[in-house]
């Protein structure tokens, strides 16, 4: 993963403690979509670091966090803003959700490119056609061109689906247990004998 700086947080490790600092002091560290994505990324980064045994979450300036950024909420309600977050995570990656990202891209380079193009689909394969100055543009463009389908998949995985056919009735959303037959077939296929004993409630049975 690139060590490029985040835009709205600071991340540092002084063994054995990782410190994540919300870094929008002029706005009392008001929370934004990008800040949330960066915080999640930093937490996952710390969790994967064997030298880290504790994480401190703090805020720069005189306030920890004033809550949600109202300007950001107004933009979202107007149908603007926030749309590049899945693209940003698709390029940079999101270890918390198992999204590896595109090699070479970090928080800063992904944000710089998307500030101009907004969507992965609109980023040219040829760095000579890029209309934004980014360090290592030729290498980044080649990496994206080689893995564009993967980047679009990562973007899809990072996008909140709002059209899933989910019932609005609580009774229908109640978890009714593990479907025994399908689960046991899966355990046999995966050679996971110990997993077969883990369920405590089977669908259709009351325990």
N, C-alpha and C. Protein backbone atom coordinates (compact mmCIF):
# COMPACT_ATOMS: atom_id res chain seq x y z
N UNK A 1 0.84 -1.18 0.00
CA UNK A 1 0.00 0.00 0.00
C UNK A 1 0.88 1.23 0.00
N UNK A 2 0.46 2.23 -0.74
CA UNK A 2 1.22 3.46 -0.80
C UNK A 2 1.24 4.16 0.55
N UNK A 3 2.34 4.87 0.82
CA UNK A 3 2.46 5.61 2.07
C UNK A 3 2.07 7.07 1.88
N UNK A 4 1.38 7.38 0.78
CA UNK A 4 0.98 8.76 0.55
C UNK A 4 0.07 9.24 1.66
N UNK A 5 0.12 10.55 1.90
CA UNK A 5 -0.66 11.12 2.99
C UNK A 5 -2.15 11.08 2.68
N UNK A 6 -2.94 10.92 3.74
CA UNK A 6 -4.38 11.07 3.60
C UNK A 6 -4.71 12.56 3.48
N UNK A 7 -5.94 12.85 3.07
CA UNK A 7 -6.34 14.24 2.91
C UNK A 7 -6.98 14.82 4.16
N UNK A 8 -7.76 14.00 4.89
CA UNK A 8 -8.54 14.55 5.99
C UNK A 8 -8.21 13.93 7.34
N UNK A 9 -7.22 13.06 7.38
CA UNK A 9 -6.74 12.51 8.65
C UNK A 9 -5.22 12.47 8.62
N UNK A 10 -4.64 12.26 9.79
CA UNK A 10 -3.21 12.00 9.90
C UNK A 10 -3.04 10.61 10.50
N UNK A 11 -2.01 9.91 10.08
CA UNK A 11 -1.75 8.57 10.59
C UNK A 11 -0.29 8.46 10.95
N UNK A 12 -0.03 7.98 12.15
CA UNK A 12 1.36 7.79 12.57
C UNK A 12 1.43 6.60 13.51
N UNK A 13 2.61 6.00 13.57
CA UNK A 13 2.85 4.87 14.47
C UNK A 13 4.11 5.15 15.25
N UNK A 14 3.97 5.16 16.56
CA UNK A 14 5.11 5.22 17.47
C UNK A 14 4.98 3.99 18.36
N UNK A 15 5.80 2.99 18.06
CA UNK A 15 5.65 1.67 18.67
C UNK A 15 5.32 1.77 20.16
N UNK A 16 4.31 0.98 20.57
CA UNK A 16 3.46 0.11 19.74
C UNK A 16 2.08 0.72 19.49
N UNK A 17 2.00 2.05 19.37
CA UNK A 17 0.70 2.73 19.29
C UNK A 17 0.54 3.44 17.95
N UNK A 18 -0.61 3.20 17.30
CA UNK A 18 -0.97 3.93 16.08
C UNK A 18 -1.92 5.05 16.47
N UNK A 19 -1.70 6.23 15.92
CA UNK A 19 -2.57 7.38 16.21
C UNK A 19 -3.23 7.84 14.92
N UNK A 20 -4.56 7.90 14.95
CA UNK A 20 -5.34 8.40 13.83
C UNK A 20 -5.95 9.72 14.26
N UNK A 21 -5.62 10.79 13.55
CA UNK A 21 -6.07 12.12 13.93
C UNK A 21 -7.00 12.70 12.88
N UNK A 22 -8.23 13.01 13.28
CA UNK A 22 -9.14 13.71 12.37
C UNK A 22 -8.54 15.09 12.13
N UNK A 23 -8.35 15.45 10.86
CA UNK A 23 -7.54 16.63 10.56
C UNK A 23 -8.27 17.66 9.70
N UNK A 24 -9.37 18.17 10.24
CA UNK A 24 -10.07 19.31 9.63
C UNK A 24 -10.34 20.33 10.75
N UNK A 25 -9.29 20.83 11.38
CA UNK A 25 -9.47 21.67 12.56
C UNK A 25 -10.31 22.93 12.31
N UNK A 26 -10.22 23.49 11.10
CA UNK A 26 -10.99 24.69 10.81
C UNK A 26 -12.49 24.43 10.84
N UNK A 27 -12.89 23.18 10.59
CA UNK A 27 -14.30 22.79 10.62
C UNK A 27 -14.61 21.95 11.86
N UNK A 28 -13.75 22.07 12.89
CA UNK A 28 -13.89 21.27 14.11
C UNK A 28 -13.98 19.78 13.77
N UNK A 29 -13.23 19.41 12.74
CA UNK A 29 -13.14 18.00 12.32
C UNK A 29 -14.50 17.40 11.98
N UNK A 30 -15.36 18.21 11.38
CA UNK A 30 -16.68 17.71 10.96
C UNK A 30 -16.50 16.53 10.02
N UNK A 31 -17.33 15.53 10.21
CA UNK A 31 -17.20 14.24 9.52
C UNK A 31 -17.71 14.31 8.09
N UNK A 32 -16.93 13.76 7.16
CA UNK A 32 -17.32 13.68 5.76
C UNK A 32 -17.21 12.23 5.28
N UNK A 33 -17.77 11.97 4.10
CA UNK A 33 -17.64 10.64 3.52
C UNK A 33 -16.17 10.26 3.34
N UNK A 34 -15.37 11.21 2.85
CA UNK A 34 -13.96 10.92 2.61
C UNK A 34 -13.25 10.66 3.94
N UNK A 35 -13.55 11.44 4.95
CA UNK A 35 -12.92 11.20 6.25
C UNK A 35 -13.26 9.80 6.75
N UNK A 36 -14.52 9.42 6.61
CA UNK A 36 -14.93 8.09 7.05
C UNK A 36 -14.18 7.00 6.33
N UNK A 37 -14.03 7.15 5.02
CA UNK A 37 -13.29 6.15 4.24
C UNK A 37 -11.83 6.10 4.66
N UNK A 38 -11.24 7.27 4.91
CA UNK A 38 -9.83 7.31 5.32
C UNK A 38 -9.64 6.71 6.71
N UNK A 39 -10.58 6.97 7.63
CA UNK A 39 -10.47 6.40 8.97
C UNK A 39 -10.55 4.87 8.92
N UNK A 40 -11.50 4.35 8.13
CA UNK A 40 -11.63 2.90 7.99
C UNK A 40 -10.35 2.31 7.42
N UNK A 41 -9.79 2.97 6.43
CA UNK A 41 -8.58 2.49 5.79
C UNK A 41 -7.43 2.49 6.81
N UNK A 42 -7.34 3.54 7.61
CA UNK A 42 -6.27 3.65 8.59
C UNK A 42 -6.41 2.59 9.69
N UNK A 43 -7.64 2.34 10.13
CA UNK A 43 -7.85 1.30 11.14
C UNK A 43 -7.41 -0.06 10.60
N UNK A 44 -7.79 -0.36 9.35
CA UNK A 44 -7.40 -1.63 8.76
C UNK A 44 -5.88 -1.71 8.62
N UNK A 45 -5.27 -0.60 8.28
CA UNK A 45 -3.82 -0.53 8.14
C UNK A 45 -3.14 -0.83 9.47
N UNK A 46 -3.69 -0.26 10.55
CA UNK A 46 -3.12 -0.50 11.88
C UNK A 46 -3.31 -1.94 12.31
N UNK A 47 -4.48 -2.50 12.00
CA UNK A 47 -4.77 -3.88 12.40
C UNK A 47 -3.84 -4.87 11.71
N UNK A 48 -3.36 -4.51 10.52
CA UNK A 48 -2.49 -5.41 9.78
C UNK A 48 -1.01 -5.23 10.15
N UNK A 49 -0.73 -4.24 10.98
CA UNK A 49 0.65 -3.96 11.39
C UNK A 49 0.95 -4.73 12.67
N UNK A 50 1.81 -5.74 12.63
CA UNK A 50 2.07 -6.55 13.82
C UNK A 50 2.72 -5.78 14.96
N UNK A 51 3.28 -4.60 14.66
CA UNK A 51 3.93 -3.82 15.71
C UNK A 51 2.94 -2.99 16.51
N UNK A 52 1.70 -2.88 16.02
CA UNK A 52 0.69 -2.05 16.68
C UNK A 52 -0.14 -2.89 17.64
N UNK A 53 -0.22 -2.44 18.89
CA UNK A 53 -1.03 -3.14 19.89
C UNK A 53 -2.17 -2.26 20.40
N UNK A 54 -2.18 -0.98 20.03
CA UNK A 54 -3.25 -0.09 20.46
C UNK A 54 -3.43 1.01 19.43
N UNK A 55 -4.65 1.53 19.34
CA UNK A 55 -4.96 2.59 18.39
C UNK A 55 -5.60 3.75 19.14
N UNK A 56 -5.10 4.95 18.91
CA UNK A 56 -5.69 6.16 19.48
C UNK A 56 -6.38 6.93 18.36
N UNK A 57 -7.64 7.27 18.57
CA UNK A 57 -8.39 8.11 17.64
C UNK A 57 -8.59 9.46 18.30
N UNK A 58 -8.09 10.51 17.67
CA UNK A 58 -8.17 11.84 18.26
C UNK A 58 -8.47 12.87 17.18
N UNK A 59 -8.55 14.13 17.58
CA UNK A 59 -8.86 15.19 16.63
C UNK A 59 -7.86 16.32 16.73
N UNK A 60 -7.57 16.96 15.60
CA UNK A 60 -6.66 18.10 15.59
C UNK A 60 -7.40 19.35 16.06
N UNK A 61 -6.68 20.25 16.70
CA UNK A 61 -7.29 21.51 17.12
C UNK A 61 -8.07 21.40 18.41
N UNK A 62 -9.06 22.27 18.57
CA UNK A 62 -9.75 22.38 19.85
C UNK A 62 -10.98 21.49 19.98
N UNK A 63 -11.32 20.76 18.94
CA UNK A 63 -12.48 19.88 19.02
C UNK A 63 -12.18 18.51 18.45
N UNK A 64 -12.76 17.48 19.07
CA UNK A 64 -12.55 16.13 18.53
C UNK A 64 -13.29 15.96 17.21
N UNK A 65 -14.61 16.16 17.22
CA UNK A 65 -15.41 16.04 16.01
C UNK A 65 -16.76 16.70 16.26
N UNK A 66 -17.13 17.63 15.41
CA UNK A 66 -18.37 18.38 15.58
C UNK A 66 -19.59 17.64 15.06
N UNK A 67 -19.38 16.40 14.55
CA UNK A 67 -20.48 15.66 13.95
C UNK A 67 -20.39 15.71 12.43
N UNK A 68 -21.50 15.43 11.78
CA UNK A 68 -21.49 15.39 10.31
C UNK A 68 -21.31 16.79 9.74
N UNK A 69 -20.58 16.86 8.63
CA UNK A 69 -20.40 18.11 7.91
C UNK A 69 -21.72 18.48 7.23
N UNK A 70 -22.37 19.53 7.68
CA UNK A 70 -23.68 19.88 7.15
C UNK A 70 -23.62 20.27 5.67
N UNK A 71 -22.52 20.87 5.25
CA UNK A 71 -22.38 21.21 3.83
C UNK A 71 -22.37 19.94 2.99
N UNK A 72 -21.70 18.91 3.51
CA UNK A 72 -21.67 17.64 2.78
C UNK A 72 -23.05 17.02 2.71
N UNK A 73 -23.81 17.09 3.82
CA UNK A 73 -25.16 16.53 3.82
C UNK A 73 -26.06 17.29 2.86
N UNK A 74 -25.90 18.60 2.81
CA UNK A 74 -26.70 19.40 1.88
C UNK A 74 -26.38 19.04 0.44
N UNK A 75 -25.10 18.79 0.16
CA UNK A 75 -24.71 18.41 -1.20
C UNK A 75 -25.30 17.07 -1.57
N UNK A 76 -25.29 16.13 -0.61
CA UNK A 76 -25.85 14.81 -0.89
C UNK A 76 -27.35 14.90 -1.13
N UNK A 77 -28.05 15.71 -0.32
CA UNK A 77 -29.49 15.85 -0.48
C UNK A 77 -29.84 16.51 -1.81
N UNK A 78 -28.90 17.29 -2.35
CA UNK A 78 -29.12 17.95 -3.63
C UNK A 78 -28.67 17.07 -4.79
N UNK A 79 -28.21 15.85 -4.47
CA UNK A 79 -27.76 14.94 -5.51
C UNK A 79 -26.35 15.19 -5.96
N UNK A 80 -25.55 15.88 -5.13
CA UNK A 80 -24.18 16.20 -5.49
C UNK A 80 -23.24 15.63 -4.45
N UNK A 81 -21.98 15.45 -4.80
CA UNK A 81 -20.97 15.06 -3.84
C UNK A 81 -21.08 13.61 -3.41
N UNK A 82 -19.99 13.09 -2.88
CA UNK A 82 -19.97 11.74 -2.35
C UNK A 82 -19.89 10.64 -3.40
N UNK A 83 -20.12 11.00 -4.68
CA UNK A 83 -20.20 9.97 -5.72
C UNK A 83 -18.84 9.36 -6.03
N UNK A 84 -17.73 10.06 -5.69
CA UNK A 84 -16.41 9.55 -6.04
C UNK A 84 -15.83 8.64 -4.98
N UNK A 85 -16.47 8.49 -3.84
CA UNK A 85 -15.91 7.66 -2.77
C UNK A 85 -15.72 6.21 -3.24
N UNK A 86 -16.71 5.55 -3.85
CA UNK A 86 -16.47 4.18 -4.33
C UNK A 86 -15.35 4.11 -5.36
N UNK A 87 -15.25 5.13 -6.22
CA UNK A 87 -14.16 5.16 -7.20
C UNK A 87 -12.82 5.29 -6.49
N UNK A 88 -12.79 6.15 -5.49
CA UNK A 88 -11.55 6.38 -4.71
C UNK A 88 -11.11 5.10 -4.03
N UNK A 89 -12.05 4.40 -3.41
CA UNK A 89 -11.72 3.14 -2.75
C UNK A 89 -11.36 2.07 -3.78
N UNK A 90 -11.99 2.12 -4.95
CA UNK A 90 -11.67 1.17 -6.00
C UNK A 90 -10.24 1.29 -6.47
N UNK A 91 -9.72 2.52 -6.48
CA UNK A 91 -8.33 2.73 -6.88
C UNK A 91 -7.37 2.49 -5.73
N UNK A 92 -7.66 3.08 -4.56
CA UNK A 92 -6.75 3.02 -3.42
C UNK A 92 -6.83 1.70 -2.67
N UNK A 93 -8.05 1.12 -2.66
CA UNK A 93 -8.27 -0.10 -1.89
C UNK A 93 -8.86 0.20 -0.53
N UNK A 94 -9.45 -0.82 0.07
CA UNK A 94 -10.06 -0.70 1.40
C UNK A 94 -9.83 -2.03 2.13
N UNK A 95 -8.71 -2.15 2.85
CA UNK A 95 -8.40 -3.42 3.52
C UNK A 95 -9.50 -3.89 4.46
N UNK A 96 -10.26 -2.96 5.04
CA UNK A 96 -11.32 -3.34 5.97
C UNK A 96 -12.37 -4.20 5.30
N UNK A 97 -12.58 -4.00 4.01
CA UNK A 97 -13.56 -4.78 3.26
C UNK A 97 -12.92 -5.74 2.27
N UNK A 98 -11.61 -5.94 2.39
CA UNK A 98 -10.94 -6.88 1.52
C UNK A 98 -10.80 -6.41 0.08
N UNK A 99 -10.78 -5.09 -0.14
CA UNK A 99 -10.62 -4.54 -1.48
C UNK A 99 -9.16 -4.13 -1.67
N UNK A 100 -8.42 -4.83 -2.53
CA UNK A 100 -6.97 -4.58 -2.62
C UNK A 100 -6.59 -3.30 -3.33
N UNK A 101 -7.44 -2.79 -4.22
CA UNK A 101 -7.10 -1.58 -4.96
C UNK A 101 -6.15 -1.86 -6.11
N UNK A 102 -5.73 -0.80 -6.78
CA UNK A 102 -4.86 -0.90 -7.95
C UNK A 102 -3.43 -0.56 -7.54
N UNK A 103 -2.46 -1.43 -7.83
CA UNK A 103 -1.07 -1.19 -7.42
C UNK A 103 -0.58 0.18 -7.86
N UNK A 104 0.06 0.88 -6.94
CA UNK A 104 0.62 2.19 -7.23
C UNK A 104 -0.23 3.34 -6.72
N UNK A 105 -1.55 3.13 -6.68
CA UNK A 105 -2.43 4.21 -6.24
C UNK A 105 -2.49 4.27 -4.71
N UNK A 106 -2.39 5.47 -4.20
CA UNK A 106 -2.57 5.71 -2.78
C UNK A 106 -3.65 6.74 -2.57
N UNK A 107 -3.83 7.17 -1.34
CA UNK A 107 -4.90 8.11 -1.02
C UNK A 107 -4.79 9.40 -1.83
N UNK A 108 -3.58 9.95 -1.90
CA UNK A 108 -3.40 11.25 -2.54
C UNK A 108 -3.51 11.17 -4.05
N UNK A 109 -2.85 10.19 -4.67
CA UNK A 109 -2.89 10.09 -6.14
C UNK A 109 -4.30 9.76 -6.63
N UNK A 110 -5.00 8.86 -5.92
CA UNK A 110 -6.36 8.54 -6.32
C UNK A 110 -7.27 9.76 -6.21
N UNK A 111 -7.11 10.52 -5.11
CA UNK A 111 -7.94 11.71 -4.91
C UNK A 111 -7.64 12.76 -5.97
N UNK A 112 -6.37 12.92 -6.33
CA UNK A 112 -5.98 13.93 -7.32
C UNK A 112 -6.57 13.61 -8.69
N UNK A 113 -6.46 12.35 -9.09
CA UNK A 113 -6.98 11.95 -10.40
C UNK A 113 -8.51 12.07 -10.43
N UNK A 114 -9.17 11.64 -9.36
CA UNK A 114 -10.63 11.66 -9.34
C UNK A 114 -11.18 13.06 -9.14
N UNK A 115 -10.38 13.97 -8.59
CA UNK A 115 -10.83 15.35 -8.47
C UNK A 115 -11.08 15.95 -9.85
N UNK A 116 -10.36 15.40 -10.84
CA UNK A 116 -10.54 15.89 -12.21
C UNK A 116 -11.53 15.03 -13.00
N UNK A 117 -11.37 13.70 -12.94
CA UNK A 117 -12.18 12.83 -13.78
C UNK A 117 -13.45 12.31 -13.10
N UNK A 118 -13.48 12.32 -11.77
CA UNK A 118 -14.64 11.92 -10.97
C UNK A 118 -14.94 10.42 -10.99
N UNK A 119 -14.85 9.76 -12.16
CA UNK A 119 -15.18 8.34 -12.26
C UNK A 119 -14.02 7.57 -12.87
N UNK A 120 -13.84 6.33 -12.40
CA UNK A 120 -12.80 5.47 -12.96
C UNK A 120 -13.01 5.30 -14.46
N UNK A 121 -14.27 5.19 -14.86
CA UNK A 121 -14.57 4.96 -16.28
C UNK A 121 -14.06 6.07 -17.18
N UNK A 122 -13.88 7.28 -16.63
CA UNK A 122 -13.48 8.42 -17.45
C UNK A 122 -11.99 8.69 -17.45
N UNK A 123 -11.21 7.87 -16.72
CA UNK A 123 -9.77 8.07 -16.68
C UNK A 123 -9.14 7.41 -17.90
N UNK A 124 -8.42 8.16 -18.74
CA UNK A 124 -7.82 7.57 -19.94
C UNK A 124 -6.76 6.51 -19.61
N UNK A 125 -6.62 5.54 -20.50
CA UNK A 125 -5.58 4.52 -20.34
C UNK A 125 -4.19 5.11 -20.58
N UNK A 126 -4.11 6.08 -21.46
CA UNK A 126 -2.83 6.66 -21.85
C UNK A 126 -2.52 7.88 -20.98
N UNK A 127 -1.40 7.84 -20.27
CA UNK A 127 -1.03 8.96 -19.40
C UNK A 127 -0.83 10.25 -20.17
N UNK A 128 -0.49 10.14 -21.46
CA UNK A 128 -0.30 11.33 -22.28
C UNK A 128 -1.60 12.12 -22.43
N UNK A 129 -2.72 11.44 -22.21
CA UNK A 129 -4.03 12.10 -22.35
C UNK A 129 -4.58 12.60 -21.01
N UNK A 130 -3.85 12.35 -19.95
CA UNK A 130 -4.29 12.83 -18.64
C UNK A 130 -4.22 14.35 -18.59
N UNK A 131 -5.23 14.96 -18.08
CA UNK A 131 -5.30 16.42 -17.98
C UNK A 131 -5.05 16.89 -16.55
N UNK A 132 -4.38 16.04 -15.78
CA UNK A 132 -4.06 16.37 -14.39
C UNK A 132 -2.65 15.89 -14.11
N UNK A 133 -1.90 16.70 -13.35
CA UNK A 133 -0.51 16.36 -13.05
C UNK A 133 -0.44 15.50 -11.79
N UNK A 134 0.09 14.29 -11.96
CA UNK A 134 0.24 13.36 -10.84
C UNK A 134 1.63 12.73 -10.94
N UNK A 135 2.32 12.65 -9.84
CA UNK A 135 3.64 12.02 -9.85
C UNK A 135 3.49 10.55 -10.22
N UNK A 136 4.31 10.10 -11.14
CA UNK A 136 4.26 8.71 -11.58
C UNK A 136 3.06 8.40 -12.45
N UNK A 137 2.56 9.41 -13.18
CA UNK A 137 1.33 9.24 -13.97
C UNK A 137 1.44 8.09 -14.97
N UNK A 138 2.58 7.97 -15.63
CA UNK A 138 2.73 6.91 -16.64
C UNK A 138 2.58 5.53 -16.01
N UNK A 139 3.21 5.34 -14.85
CA UNK A 139 3.13 4.05 -14.16
C UNK A 139 1.70 3.79 -13.66
N UNK A 140 1.05 4.82 -13.13
CA UNK A 140 -0.32 4.67 -12.63
C UNK A 140 -1.29 4.36 -13.76
N UNK A 141 -1.14 5.06 -14.87
CA UNK A 141 -2.03 4.84 -16.01
C UNK A 141 -1.89 3.42 -16.53
N UNK A 142 -0.65 2.93 -16.62
CA UNK A 142 -0.42 1.57 -17.09
C UNK A 142 -1.01 0.54 -16.14
N UNK A 143 -0.88 0.80 -14.85
CA UNK A 143 -1.43 -0.11 -13.85
C UNK A 143 -2.95 -0.17 -13.94
N UNK A 144 -3.57 0.98 -14.10
CA UNK A 144 -5.03 1.03 -14.22
C UNK A 144 -5.49 0.39 -15.52
N UNK A 145 -4.80 0.66 -16.61
CA UNK A 145 -5.20 0.09 -17.90
C UNK A 145 -5.16 -1.44 -17.85
N UNK A 146 -4.17 -1.98 -17.16
CA UNK A 146 -4.02 -3.43 -17.08
C UNK A 146 -5.08 -4.05 -16.18
N UNK A 147 -5.57 -3.27 -15.21
CA UNK A 147 -6.49 -3.83 -14.21
C UNK A 147 -7.82 -3.06 -14.14
N UNK A 148 -8.23 -2.48 -15.24
CA UNK A 148 -9.43 -1.65 -15.21
C UNK A 148 -10.67 -2.43 -14.79
N UNK A 149 -10.82 -3.64 -15.31
CA UNK A 149 -11.98 -4.45 -14.93
C UNK A 149 -11.99 -4.73 -13.44
N UNK A 150 -10.80 -4.97 -12.88
CA UNK A 150 -10.70 -5.19 -11.44
C UNK A 150 -11.10 -3.92 -10.69
N UNK A 151 -10.64 -2.77 -11.17
CA UNK A 151 -10.96 -1.50 -10.52
C UNK A 151 -12.46 -1.25 -10.51
N UNK A 152 -13.13 -1.58 -11.60
CA UNK A 152 -14.57 -1.40 -11.68
C UNK A 152 -15.29 -2.37 -10.75
N UNK A 153 -14.73 -3.58 -10.60
CA UNK A 153 -15.31 -4.52 -9.65
C UNK A 153 -15.15 -4.00 -8.23
N UNK A 154 -13.97 -3.48 -7.90
CA UNK A 154 -13.74 -2.94 -6.56
C UNK A 154 -14.68 -1.76 -6.29
N UNK A 155 -14.89 -0.95 -7.31
CA UNK A 155 -15.81 0.17 -7.17
C UNK A 155 -17.21 -0.33 -6.85
N UNK A 156 -17.62 -1.35 -7.56
CA UNK A 156 -18.96 -1.92 -7.32
C UNK A 156 -19.08 -2.47 -5.90
N UNK A 157 -18.01 -3.14 -5.43
CA UNK A 157 -18.03 -3.70 -4.08
C UNK A 157 -18.09 -2.61 -3.02
N UNK A 158 -17.55 -1.43 -3.33
CA UNK A 158 -17.53 -0.32 -2.38
C UNK A 158 -18.77 0.57 -2.47
N UNK A 159 -19.66 0.25 -3.40
CA UNK A 159 -20.86 1.07 -3.60
C UNK A 159 -22.03 0.53 -2.80
N UNK A 160 -22.69 1.40 -2.08
CA UNK A 160 -23.87 1.01 -1.31
C UNK A 160 -25.02 0.71 -2.26
N UNK A 161 -25.51 -0.52 -2.21
CA UNK A 161 -26.64 -0.92 -3.07
C UNK A 161 -27.95 -0.50 -2.41
N UNK A 162 -28.75 0.24 -3.14
CA UNK A 162 -30.03 0.73 -2.61
C UNK A 162 -31.23 0.05 -3.26
N UNK A 163 -30.96 -0.91 -4.15
CA UNK A 163 -32.05 -1.55 -4.89
C UNK A 163 -32.16 -3.04 -4.58
N UNK A 164 -31.55 -3.48 -3.47
CA UNK A 164 -31.65 -4.90 -3.11
C UNK A 164 -33.09 -5.23 -2.72
N UNK A 165 -33.60 -6.39 -3.17
CA UNK A 165 -34.99 -6.76 -2.88
C UNK A 165 -35.16 -7.22 -1.44
N UNK A 166 -35.14 -6.27 -0.51
CA UNK A 166 -35.26 -6.58 0.91
C UNK A 166 -36.65 -6.18 1.40
N UNK A 167 -37.28 -7.07 2.13
CA UNK A 167 -38.61 -6.78 2.66
C UNK A 167 -38.53 -5.68 3.71
N UNK A 168 -39.57 -4.90 3.81
CA UNK A 168 -39.65 -3.85 4.83
C UNK A 168 -40.36 -4.34 6.09
N UNK A 169 -40.81 -5.58 6.09
CA UNK A 169 -41.50 -6.13 7.24
C UNK A 169 -40.50 -6.82 8.16
N UNK A 170 -40.50 -6.42 9.43
CA UNK A 170 -39.53 -6.96 10.37
C UNK A 170 -39.66 -8.47 10.52
N UNK A 171 -40.90 -8.97 10.48
CA UNK A 171 -41.10 -10.42 10.65
C UNK A 171 -40.41 -11.20 9.54
N UNK A 172 -40.37 -10.64 8.35
CA UNK A 172 -39.73 -11.33 7.23
C UNK A 172 -38.21 -11.19 7.26
N UNK A 173 -37.70 -10.20 8.02
CA UNK A 173 -36.26 -10.00 8.13
C UNK A 173 -35.66 -10.78 9.29
N UNK A 174 -36.50 -11.40 10.10
CA UNK A 174 -36.01 -12.15 11.25
C UNK A 174 -35.14 -13.31 10.80
N UNK A 175 -33.98 -13.46 11.46
CA UNK A 175 -33.10 -14.58 11.14
C UNK A 175 -33.69 -15.85 11.73
N UNK A 176 -33.88 -16.85 10.91
CA UNK A 176 -34.58 -18.06 11.33
C UNK A 176 -33.64 -19.27 11.45
N UNK A 177 -32.35 -19.05 11.36
CA UNK A 177 -31.41 -20.14 11.54
C UNK A 177 -30.68 -20.51 10.26
N UNK A 178 -29.73 -21.41 10.40
CA UNK A 178 -28.89 -21.87 9.28
C UNK A 178 -29.61 -22.97 8.51
N UNK A 179 -29.69 -22.86 7.18
CA UNK A 179 -30.29 -23.95 6.39
C UNK A 179 -29.38 -25.17 6.44
N UNK A 180 -29.81 -26.19 7.16
CA UNK A 180 -28.92 -27.28 7.52
C UNK A 180 -28.35 -28.04 6.33
N UNK A 181 -29.20 -28.44 5.41
CA UNK A 181 -28.73 -29.23 4.28
C UNK A 181 -27.68 -28.51 3.47
N UNK A 182 -27.97 -27.27 3.09
CA UNK A 182 -27.04 -26.51 2.27
C UNK A 182 -25.74 -26.24 3.01
N UNK A 183 -25.85 -25.98 4.32
CA UNK A 183 -24.66 -25.69 5.11
C UNK A 183 -23.77 -26.92 5.24
N UNK A 184 -24.37 -28.06 5.50
CA UNK A 184 -23.58 -29.28 5.65
C UNK A 184 -22.95 -29.69 4.33
N UNK A 185 -23.66 -29.49 3.22
CA UNK A 185 -23.07 -29.77 1.91
C UNK A 185 -21.86 -28.87 1.67
N UNK A 186 -21.98 -27.60 2.07
CA UNK A 186 -20.87 -26.66 1.93
C UNK A 186 -19.66 -27.12 2.75
N UNK A 187 -19.91 -27.56 3.99
CA UNK A 187 -18.82 -28.01 4.85
C UNK A 187 -18.12 -29.22 4.27
N UNK A 188 -18.88 -30.14 3.66
CA UNK A 188 -18.28 -31.31 3.02
C UNK A 188 -17.42 -30.88 1.84
N UNK A 189 -17.95 -29.97 1.04
CA UNK A 189 -17.21 -29.48 -0.14
C UNK A 189 -15.91 -28.80 0.26
N UNK A 190 -15.94 -28.04 1.37
CA UNK A 190 -14.77 -27.29 1.81
C UNK A 190 -13.90 -28.07 2.80
N UNK A 191 -14.30 -29.32 3.07
CA UNK A 191 -13.56 -30.16 4.02
C UNK A 191 -13.43 -29.45 5.37
N UNK A 192 -14.53 -28.88 5.83
CA UNK A 192 -14.54 -28.09 7.07
C UNK A 192 -15.40 -28.80 8.11
N UNK A 193 -14.92 -29.94 8.60
CA UNK A 193 -15.69 -30.74 9.55
C UNK A 193 -15.97 -29.99 10.84
N UNK A 194 -15.00 -29.23 11.34
CA UNK A 194 -15.20 -28.52 12.60
C UNK A 194 -16.27 -27.43 12.47
N UNK A 195 -16.38 -26.88 11.27
CA UNK A 195 -17.36 -25.82 11.06
C UNK A 195 -18.79 -26.35 11.17
N UNK A 196 -18.98 -27.63 10.90
CA UNK A 196 -20.32 -28.21 10.91
C UNK A 196 -20.96 -28.15 12.28
N UNK A 197 -20.15 -28.08 13.32
CA UNK A 197 -20.70 -28.09 14.69
C UNK A 197 -20.95 -26.69 15.23
N UNK A 198 -20.63 -25.66 14.46
CA UNK A 198 -20.72 -24.30 14.99
C UNK A 198 -22.14 -23.74 15.09
N UNK A 199 -23.04 -24.01 14.13
CA UNK A 199 -24.39 -23.42 14.23
C UNK A 199 -25.10 -23.83 15.51
N UNK A 200 -25.79 -22.89 16.11
CA UNK A 200 -26.57 -23.15 17.31
C UNK A 200 -28.08 -23.11 17.04
N UNK A 201 -28.40 -22.78 15.82
CA UNK A 201 -29.83 -22.73 15.46
C UNK A 201 -29.98 -23.10 14.00
N UNK A 202 -30.79 -24.12 13.75
CA UNK A 202 -31.05 -24.55 12.37
C UNK A 202 -32.41 -24.02 11.93
N UNK A 203 -32.48 -23.69 10.66
CA UNK A 203 -33.75 -23.19 10.11
C UNK A 203 -34.81 -24.26 10.26
N UNK A 204 -35.98 -23.87 10.76
CA UNK A 204 -37.10 -24.79 10.89
C UNK A 204 -37.13 -25.54 12.20
N UNK A 205 -36.09 -25.36 13.04
CA UNK A 205 -36.03 -26.05 14.32
C UNK A 205 -35.97 -25.03 15.45
N UNK A 206 -36.58 -25.33 16.55
CA UNK A 206 -36.54 -24.47 17.73
C UNK A 206 -35.68 -25.14 18.78
N UNK A 207 -34.65 -24.44 19.24
CA UNK A 207 -33.73 -25.00 20.23
C UNK A 207 -33.82 -24.21 21.53
